């Protein structure tokens, strides 16, 4: 047995549990950073609803995905694994158990009391069941062009800002 075969499942579980984000790539689309929860041997993500994270294109029940997990403290890649994607039916026992875990991790929800009802009506819950894992680093950088976004900076920074920041540093050193 190879080192990855022995270490793989334990590393996938520990790294995924500890990481706040995982990078998920569906079939034929770009990878996206998703918040998640590890529950019952798989990563669960929720999204594609109003006010929730957009899920990567190509993720459907029965499809496959690539998941990359980063280190919580350093931010670098720890492990990558393939996942079998399934979509539990809203209201099922599996769906309720996963949503109970997810709602504790959902930050700044505008409707915390009714969030799970909204998720059942308007969102998709996906289970990413781990398959093969690898700790080998890729040959290339894997850098990609940032995804389009409507978020922009309104104005350039004021010309005097660098001088003001330098004055503050000098004042702190002299004090």
Protein backbone atom coordinates (compact mmCIF):
# COMPACT_ATOMS: atom_id res chain seq x y z
CA UNK A 1 0.00 0.00 0.00
CA UNK A 2 1.21 3.50 -0.81
CA UNK A 3 1.68 6.25 1.73
CA UNK A 4 -1.27 8.22 0.26
CA UNK A 5 -3.55 5.16 0.47
CA UNK A 6 -2.86 4.77 4.18
CA UNK A 7 -2.83 8.45 5.11
CA UNK A 8 -5.48 9.67 2.65
CA UNK A 9 -8.81 9.12 4.42
CA UNK A 10 -7.57 10.35 7.81
CA UNK A 11 -5.90 13.40 6.27
CA UNK A 12 -8.96 14.26 4.20
CA UNK A 13 -11.21 14.13 7.26
CA UNK A 14 -8.92 16.06 9.62
CA UNK A 15 -7.92 18.73 7.12
CA UNK A 16 -11.50 19.25 5.92
CA UNK A 17 -12.86 19.46 9.48
CA UNK A 18 -10.31 22.08 10.47
CA UNK A 19 -10.45 24.23 7.34
CA UNK A 20 -13.02 27.00 7.17
CA UNK A 21 -13.12 26.86 3.37
CA UNK A 22 -12.70 24.21 0.73
CA UNK A 23 -12.15 24.84 -2.97
CA UNK A 24 -14.61 22.86 -5.07
CA UNK A 25 -14.55 22.42 -8.85
CA UNK A 26 -17.46 20.88 -10.71
CA UNK A 27 -17.30 19.29 -14.13
CA UNK A 28 -16.20 21.93 -16.63
CA UNK A 29 -16.22 24.97 -14.38
CA UNK A 30 -13.94 27.08 -12.20
CA UNK A 31 -13.20 26.19 -8.58
CA UNK A 32 -14.98 28.20 -5.89
CA UNK A 33 -14.21 28.66 -2.23
CA UNK A 34 -17.12 27.31 -0.15
CA UNK A 35 -17.81 27.24 3.58
CA UNK A 36 -18.87 23.79 4.65
CA UNK A 37 -19.30 21.36 7.50
CA UNK A 38 -17.86 17.86 7.89
CA UNK A 39 -20.60 15.47 9.00
CA UNK A 40 -21.03 11.72 8.83
CA UNK A 41 -17.95 11.09 6.67
CA UNK A 42 -18.53 13.80 4.06
CA UNK A 43 -18.38 17.54 3.45
CA UNK A 44 -21.74 19.29 3.13
CA UNK A 45 -22.20 22.63 1.37
CA UNK A 46 -25.31 24.71 0.86
CA UNK A 47 -25.90 27.46 -1.66
CA UNK A 48 -27.43 28.71 -4.91
CA UNK A 49 -30.19 30.52 -3.05
CA UNK A 50 -30.77 34.22 -2.38
CA UNK A 51 -28.14 35.50 0.02
CA UNK A 52 -26.18 32.23 0.02
CA UNK A 53 -22.90 31.21 -1.59
CA UNK A 54 -22.94 30.37 -5.29
CA UNK A 55 -22.10 26.73 -5.93
CA UNK A 56 -19.72 25.89 -8.79
CA UNK A 57 -21.29 24.95 -12.11
CA UNK A 58 -21.39 21.27 -12.96
CA UNK A 59 -22.29 19.98 -9.49
CA UNK A 60 -25.30 17.71 -9.73
CA UNK A 61 -26.56 14.56 -8.06
CA UNK A 62 -24.38 11.71 -9.34
CA UNK A 63 -21.58 13.91 -10.70
CA UNK A 64 -17.98 14.18 -9.51
CA UNK A 65 -16.05 17.11 -8.07
CA UNK A 66 -12.48 18.02 -7.20
CA UNK A 67 -11.97 19.34 -3.67
CA UNK A 68 -8.83 21.12 -2.48
CA UNK A 69 -8.36 21.74 1.23
CA UNK A 70 -6.14 24.50 2.54
CA UNK A 71 -4.28 24.74 5.81
CA UNK A 72 -6.17 26.78 8.39
CA UNK A 73 -3.04 28.45 9.74
CA UNK A 74 -0.87 28.90 6.62
CA UNK A 75 -3.48 28.92 3.85
CA UNK A 76 -1.50 26.54 1.62
CA UNK A 77 -2.81 23.37 0.01
CA UNK A 78 -2.84 20.34 2.34
CA UNK A 79 -4.72 17.71 0.36
CA UNK A 80 -6.84 17.36 -2.76
CA UNK A 81 -9.51 14.70 -3.19
CA UNK A 82 -12.16 13.61 -5.64
CA UNK A 83 -15.73 13.61 -4.43
CA UNK A 84 -18.93 11.88 -5.40
CA UNK A 85 -21.71 14.48 -5.35
CA UNK A 86 -25.17 13.68 -4.04
CA UNK A 87 -28.11 15.91 -3.20
CA UNK A 88 -30.18 14.79 -0.20
CA UNK A 89 -33.89 15.50 -0.54
CA UNK A 90 -35.07 18.51 1.51
CA UNK A 91 -36.73 17.34 4.70
CA UNK A 92 -35.15 13.88 4.66
CA UNK A 93 -33.38 12.60 7.77
CA UNK A 94 -29.96 13.06 6.15
CA UNK A 95 -30.89 16.59 5.03
CA UNK A 96 -32.09 17.61 8.52
CA UNK A 97 -28.96 16.24 10.23
CA UNK A 98 -26.63 18.09 7.83
CA UNK A 99 -28.61 21.33 8.01
CA UNK A 100 -28.54 21.22 11.82
CA UNK A 101 -24.73 21.18 11.60
CA UNK A 102 -24.58 23.84 8.88
CA UNK A 103 -26.85 26.36 10.60
CA UNK A 104 -24.40 26.59 13.51
CA UNK A 105 -21.67 27.65 11.08
CA UNK A 106 -23.73 30.11 9.02
CA UNK A 107 -22.58 33.58 9.97
CA UNK A 108 -24.66 36.76 9.72
CA UNK A 109 -27.84 35.12 8.52
CA UNK A 110 -30.60 37.74 8.25
CA UNK A 111 -33.27 35.16 9.14
CA UNK A 112 -31.62 32.86 11.68
CA UNK A 113 -34.93 31.52 13.05
CA UNK A 114 -36.40 30.59 9.66
CA UNK A 115 -33.15 29.93 7.79
CA UNK A 116 -33.65 26.16 7.48
CA UNK A 117 -37.12 26.63 5.98
CA UNK A 118 -35.67 29.03 3.41
CA UNK A 119 -32.88 26.57 2.65
CA UNK A 120 -35.44 23.81 2.03
CA UNK A 121 -37.41 26.03 -0.39
CA UNK A 122 -34.70 27.96 -2.20
CA UNK A 123 -31.24 26.35 -1.81
CA UNK A 124 -29.36 23.20 -2.72
CA UNK A 125 -27.62 21.01 -0.15
CA UNK A 126 -24.81 18.89 -1.56
CA UNK A 127 -22.95 16.01 0.04
CA UNK A 128 -19.36 15.60 -1.16
CA UNK A 129 -18.27 12.06 -0.31
CA UNK A 130 -14.49 11.60 -0.45
CA UNK A 131 -12.91 9.29 -2.97
CA UNK A 132 -9.24 9.21 -3.90
CA UNK A 133 -6.91 11.68 -2.14
CA UNK A 134 -3.50 13.03 -3.03
CA UNK A 135 -0.95 15.11 -1.20
CA UNK A 136 1.28 15.46 -4.29
CA UNK A 137 1.78 19.04 -5.38
CA UNK A 138 0.81 20.00 -8.93
CA UNK A 139 3.41 20.86 -11.58
CA UNK A 140 1.99 24.30 -12.36
CA UNK A 141 0.81 27.16 -10.19
CA UNK A 142 -2.92 26.49 -10.76
CA UNK A 143 -3.47 30.27 -10.74
CA UNK A 144 -6.60 31.42 -12.51
CA UNK A 145 -8.17 34.67 -13.60
CA UNK A 146 -10.46 35.97 -10.82
CA UNK A 147 -14.16 35.36 -11.39
CA UNK A 148 -16.18 38.40 -12.53
CA UNK A 149 -17.78 40.34 -9.68
CA UNK A 150 -19.80 43.53 -9.32
CA UNK A 151 -17.72 44.46 -6.25
CA UNK A 152 -15.34 47.30 -7.04
CA UNK A 153 -13.43 50.04 -5.25
CA UNK A 154 -15.30 53.31 -5.53
CA UNK A 155 -12.39 55.74 -5.59
CA UNK A 156 -8.61 55.57 -5.75
CA UNK A 157 -6.84 55.97 -2.41
CA UNK A 158 -6.06 59.59 -1.48
CA UNK A 159 -2.60 60.73 -2.52
CA UNK A 160 -1.77 61.82 1.06
CA UNK A 161 -2.61 58.43 2.65
CA UNK A 162 0.90 56.90 2.37
CA UNK A 163 2.43 59.99 4.04
CA UNK A 164 -0.15 59.90 6.84
CA UNK A 165 0.57 56.24 7.52
CA UNK A 166 4.32 56.87 7.61
CA UNK A 167 3.84 59.71 10.13
CA UNK A 168 1.90 57.38 12.43
CA UNK A 169 4.66 54.78 12.31
CA UNK A 170 7.33 57.35 13.11
CA UNK A 171 5.25 58.75 15.97
CA UNK A 172 4.83 55.26 17.49
CA UNK A 173 8.56 54.56 17.24
CA UNK A 174 9.41 57.84 18.97
CA UNK A 175 6.92 57.33 21.81
